[in-house]
C-alpha cells in the first residue's frame, strides 16, 4: 500500500511533504492564512485562487512563514495581528 503525502508550507516558506493534511489554508500571493472552510477563500476558488492555495500544519507555522491571519474566518487573530502591526509601525 502506498502512503499518501501532502505538500504543506514549512516555517521557512518552502514546500514540505507531510503524511497528514494541513489544518489551515492560505494564499501564497497574498500571504494570508485561514480555516479550510473560510467563505472568503471558497468564494475565490473560481477566480484563480486555487493556483495560489497553500496549506499549513498549524498556525505557528503559517506565522513563521510570514503569513497573516484572514480577517474573515479568523477575526480575533486578525484583530491581534493588526494591533501588533500598528504598535510595531508596520501599518
N, C-alpha and C. Protein backbone atom coordinates (compact mmCIF):
# COMPACT_ATOMS: atom_id res chain seq x y z
N UNK A 1 0.84 -1.18 0.00
CA UNK A 1 0.00 0.00 0.00
C UNK A 1 0.89 1.25 0.00
N UNK A 2 0.56 2.23 -0.82
CA UNK A 2 1.33 3.45 -0.93
C UNK A 2 0.84 4.47 0.08
N UNK A 3 1.78 5.09 0.79
CA UNK A 3 1.41 6.11 1.77
C UNK A 3 1.14 7.44 1.05
N UNK A 4 0.05 8.09 1.43
CA UNK A 4 -0.32 9.37 0.82
C UNK A 4 0.52 10.48 1.44
N UNK A 5 0.97 11.41 0.62
CA UNK A 5 1.72 12.56 1.09
C UNK A 5 1.04 13.84 0.64
N UNK A 6 1.10 14.85 1.48
CA UNK A 6 0.52 16.15 1.21
C UNK A 6 1.65 17.17 1.17
N UNK A 7 1.52 18.17 0.33
CA UNK A 7 2.51 19.23 0.26
C UNK A 7 2.03 20.39 1.11
N UNK A 8 2.78 20.71 2.14
CA UNK A 8 2.49 21.82 3.04
C UNK A 8 3.61 22.84 2.92
N UNK A 9 3.40 24.00 3.51
CA UNK A 9 4.44 25.03 3.57
C UNK A 9 5.06 24.96 4.96
N UNK A 10 6.37 24.92 5.02
CA UNK A 10 7.08 24.89 6.29
C UNK A 10 7.33 26.29 6.82
N UNK A 11 7.88 26.42 8.04
CA UNK A 11 8.15 27.72 8.63
C UNK A 11 9.12 28.58 7.83
N UNK A 12 9.92 27.93 6.99
CA UNK A 12 10.87 28.68 6.15
C UNK A 12 10.25 29.08 4.81
N UNK A 13 8.95 28.78 4.62
CA UNK A 13 8.26 29.13 3.40
C UNK A 13 8.46 28.14 2.26
N UNK A 14 9.19 27.07 2.51
CA UNK A 14 9.46 26.06 1.49
C UNK A 14 8.46 24.92 1.59
N UNK A 15 8.25 24.22 0.48
CA UNK A 15 7.36 23.07 0.47
C UNK A 15 7.91 21.95 1.33
N UNK A 16 7.00 21.26 2.04
CA UNK A 16 7.35 20.14 2.90
C UNK A 16 6.35 19.02 2.63
N UNK A 17 6.82 17.80 2.43
CA UNK A 17 5.91 16.67 2.31
C UNK A 17 5.50 16.20 3.68
N UNK A 18 4.20 15.91 3.84
CA UNK A 18 3.66 15.51 5.13
C UNK A 18 2.75 14.30 4.95
N UNK A 19 2.73 13.42 5.94
CA UNK A 19 1.82 12.27 5.91
C UNK A 19 0.41 12.68 6.31
N UNK A 20 0.25 13.86 6.89
CA UNK A 20 -1.08 14.34 7.30
C UNK A 20 -1.40 15.64 6.56
N UNK A 21 -2.69 15.86 6.25
CA UNK A 21 -3.05 17.10 5.55
C UNK A 21 -2.92 18.31 6.45
N UNK A 22 -2.86 19.47 5.86
CA UNK A 22 -2.79 20.70 6.63
C UNK A 22 -4.11 21.02 7.32
N UNK A 23 -4.03 21.80 8.40
CA UNK A 23 -5.23 22.20 9.13
C UNK A 23 -5.67 23.61 8.75
N UNK A 24 -4.79 24.35 8.06
CA UNK A 24 -5.09 25.71 7.62
C UNK A 24 -4.70 25.86 6.16
N UNK A 25 -5.43 26.72 5.46
CA UNK A 25 -5.11 27.01 4.07
C UNK A 25 -4.66 28.45 3.95
N UNK A 26 -4.02 28.76 2.85
CA UNK A 26 -3.56 30.12 2.65
C UNK A 26 -3.44 30.46 1.19
N UNK A 27 -3.09 31.70 0.93
CA UNK A 27 -2.88 32.20 -0.41
C UNK A 27 -1.43 32.66 -0.50
N UNK A 28 -0.67 31.98 -1.32
CA UNK A 28 0.77 32.26 -1.44
C UNK A 28 1.03 33.69 -1.90
N UNK A 29 0.22 34.19 -2.82
CA UNK A 29 0.43 35.53 -3.36
C UNK A 29 0.07 36.62 -2.34
N UNK A 30 -1.01 36.43 -1.61
CA UNK A 30 -1.46 37.44 -0.64
C UNK A 30 -0.86 37.28 0.75
N UNK A 31 -0.22 36.13 1.00
CA UNK A 31 0.40 35.84 2.30
C UNK A 31 -0.63 35.89 3.43
N UNK A 32 -1.80 35.28 3.19
CA UNK A 32 -2.89 35.20 4.17
C UNK A 32 -3.15 33.73 4.45
N UNK A 33 -3.44 33.39 5.71
CA UNK A 33 -3.85 32.02 6.05
C UNK A 33 -5.17 32.06 6.81
N UNK A 34 -5.91 30.95 6.75
CA UNK A 34 -7.18 30.86 7.45
C UNK A 34 -7.69 29.44 7.49
N UNK A 35 -8.92 29.30 7.98
CA UNK A 35 -9.54 27.98 8.09
C UNK A 35 -9.82 27.41 6.70
N UNK A 36 -9.85 26.11 6.61
CA UNK A 36 -10.10 25.46 5.33
C UNK A 36 -11.51 25.70 4.82
N UNK A 37 -12.44 26.00 5.73
CA UNK A 37 -13.83 26.25 5.34
C UNK A 37 -14.16 27.74 5.22
N UNK A 38 -13.17 28.59 5.13
CA UNK A 38 -13.37 30.04 5.07
C UNK A 38 -14.22 30.40 3.85
N UNK A 39 -15.30 31.13 4.07
CA UNK A 39 -16.19 31.51 2.96
C UNK A 39 -15.49 32.45 1.99
N UNK A 40 -14.58 33.25 2.47
CA UNK A 40 -13.85 34.16 1.59
C UNK A 40 -12.95 33.39 0.62
N UNK A 41 -12.23 32.41 1.12
CA UNK A 41 -11.34 31.60 0.28
C UNK A 41 -12.15 30.72 -0.68
N UNK A 42 -13.18 30.08 -0.17
CA UNK A 42 -14.00 29.20 -1.00
C UNK A 42 -14.66 30.00 -2.13
N UNK A 43 -15.12 31.20 -1.83
CA UNK A 43 -15.74 32.05 -2.83
C UNK A 43 -14.77 32.51 -3.90
N UNK A 44 -13.48 32.50 -3.59
CA UNK A 44 -12.45 32.94 -4.54
C UNK A 44 -11.94 31.82 -5.44
N UNK A 45 -12.29 30.58 -5.16
CA UNK A 45 -11.75 29.46 -5.93
C UNK A 45 -12.01 29.58 -7.43
N UNK A 46 -13.22 29.97 -7.89
CA UNK A 46 -13.44 30.05 -9.34
C UNK A 46 -12.63 31.17 -10.03
N UNK A 47 -12.10 32.11 -9.28
CA UNK A 47 -11.38 33.23 -9.89
C UNK A 47 -9.88 33.02 -9.95
N UNK A 48 -9.42 31.80 -9.75
CA UNK A 48 -7.99 31.52 -9.87
C UNK A 48 -7.27 31.40 -8.55
N UNK A 49 -7.98 31.54 -7.44
CA UNK A 49 -7.36 31.43 -6.12
C UNK A 49 -6.68 30.08 -5.93
N UNK A 50 -7.26 29.03 -6.51
CA UNK A 50 -6.77 27.67 -6.29
C UNK A 50 -5.30 27.51 -6.68
N UNK A 51 -4.84 28.20 -7.71
CA UNK A 51 -3.45 28.03 -8.12
C UNK A 51 -2.47 28.66 -7.14
N UNK A 52 -2.95 29.50 -6.24
CA UNK A 52 -2.10 30.13 -5.22
C UNK A 52 -2.33 29.52 -3.84
N UNK A 53 -3.16 28.49 -3.75
CA UNK A 53 -3.54 27.88 -2.48
C UNK A 53 -2.37 27.10 -1.91
N UNK A 54 -2.14 27.28 -0.61
CA UNK A 54 -1.11 26.54 0.12
C UNK A 54 -1.73 26.03 1.41
N UNK A 55 -1.05 25.11 2.07
CA UNK A 55 -1.58 24.51 3.29
C UNK A 55 -0.51 24.50 4.38
N UNK A 56 -0.97 24.66 5.61
CA UNK A 56 -0.09 24.69 6.78
C UNK A 56 -0.53 23.66 7.80
N UNK A 57 0.44 23.10 8.51
CA UNK A 57 0.14 22.14 9.57
C UNK A 57 -0.54 22.82 10.75
N UNK A 58 -0.15 24.07 11.03
CA UNK A 58 -0.72 24.78 12.17
C UNK A 58 -0.48 26.28 12.03
N UNK A 59 -1.06 27.04 12.95
CA UNK A 59 -0.97 28.50 12.89
C UNK A 59 0.45 29.01 13.10
N UNK A 60 1.18 28.38 14.01
CA UNK A 60 2.55 28.82 14.28
C UNK A 60 3.42 28.73 13.02
N UNK A 61 3.21 27.68 12.24
CA UNK A 61 3.98 27.52 11.00
C UNK A 61 3.62 28.59 9.98
N UNK A 62 2.32 28.89 9.87
CA UNK A 62 1.88 29.94 8.94
C UNK A 62 2.49 31.29 9.31
N UNK A 63 2.49 31.61 10.57
CA UNK A 63 3.05 32.88 11.05
C UNK A 63 4.56 32.92 10.79
N UNK A 64 5.24 31.82 11.11
CA UNK A 64 6.69 31.76 10.91
C UNK A 64 7.06 31.91 9.43
N UNK A 65 6.17 31.47 8.54
CA UNK A 65 6.43 31.58 7.10
C UNK A 65 6.08 32.97 6.57
N UNK A 66 5.61 33.86 7.44
CA UNK A 66 5.35 35.24 7.03
C UNK A 66 3.92 35.53 6.60
N UNK A 67 2.99 34.66 6.93
CA UNK A 67 1.59 34.85 6.57
C UNK A 67 0.82 35.52 7.71
N UNK A 68 -0.24 36.24 7.36
CA UNK A 68 -1.08 36.88 8.36
C UNK A 68 -2.44 36.19 8.41
N UNK A 69 -3.16 36.31 9.53
CA UNK A 69 -4.47 35.68 9.63
C UNK A 69 -5.51 36.34 8.73
N UNK A 70 -6.48 35.56 8.30
CA UNK A 70 -7.59 36.04 7.47
C UNK A 70 -8.54 36.88 8.34
N UNK A 71 -8.95 38.01 7.83
CA UNK A 71 -9.88 38.88 8.55
C UNK A 71 -11.31 38.37 8.53
N UNK A 72 -11.61 37.39 7.68
CA UNK A 72 -12.97 36.86 7.59
C UNK A 72 -13.19 35.70 8.55
N UNK A 73 -12.35 34.69 8.49
CA UNK A 73 -12.59 33.48 9.29
C UNK A 73 -11.79 33.44 10.60
N UNK A 74 -10.85 34.33 10.78
CA UNK A 74 -10.03 34.34 11.99
C UNK A 74 -10.00 35.76 12.56
N UNK A 75 -11.18 36.29 12.83
CA UNK A 75 -11.32 37.69 13.21
C UNK A 75 -10.54 38.06 14.47
N UNK A 76 -10.55 37.22 15.49
CA UNK A 76 -9.83 37.54 16.73
C UNK A 76 -8.31 37.58 16.47
N UNK A 77 -7.82 36.58 15.75
CA UNK A 77 -6.39 36.54 15.43
C UNK A 77 -5.99 37.71 14.55
N UNK A 78 -6.87 38.07 13.60
CA UNK A 78 -6.60 39.19 12.71
C UNK A 78 -6.55 40.51 13.50
N UNK A 79 -7.49 40.69 14.43
CA UNK A 79 -7.50 41.91 15.25
C UNK A 79 -6.21 42.02 16.05
N UNK A 80 -5.75 40.91 16.58
CA UNK A 80 -4.49 40.90 17.33
C UNK A 80 -3.33 41.24 16.41
N UNK A 81 -3.33 40.67 15.20
CA UNK A 81 -2.28 40.94 14.23
C UNK A 81 -2.24 42.43 13.87
N UNK A 82 -3.41 43.02 13.62
CA UNK A 82 -3.49 44.45 13.27
C UNK A 82 -2.96 45.30 14.42
N UNK A 83 -3.38 44.97 15.64
CA UNK A 83 -2.93 45.72 16.82
C UNK A 83 -1.41 45.65 16.95
N UNK A 84 -0.85 44.43 16.80
CA UNK A 84 0.61 44.27 16.89
C UNK A 84 1.33 45.02 15.76
N UNK A 85 0.76 44.96 14.55
CA UNK A 85 1.37 45.63 13.41
C UNK A 85 1.36 47.15 13.60
N UNK A 86 0.28 47.68 14.13
CA UNK A 86 0.20 49.12 14.38
C UNK A 86 1.19 49.54 15.45
N UNK A 87 1.30 48.72 16.48
CA UNK A 87 2.21 49.01 17.58
C UNK A 87 3.67 49.00 17.12
N UNK A 88 3.97 48.09 16.19
CA UNK A 88 5.35 47.99 15.71
C UNK A 88 5.63 48.89 14.51
N UNK A 89 4.62 49.63 14.05
CA UNK A 89 4.81 50.55 12.95
C UNK A 89 4.74 49.94 11.56
N UNK A 90 4.27 48.68 11.46
CA UNK A 90 4.17 48.03 10.15
C UNK A 90 2.91 48.46 9.39
N UNK A 91 1.96 49.07 10.08
CA UNK A 91 0.73 49.55 9.40
C UNK A 91 0.62 51.04 9.57
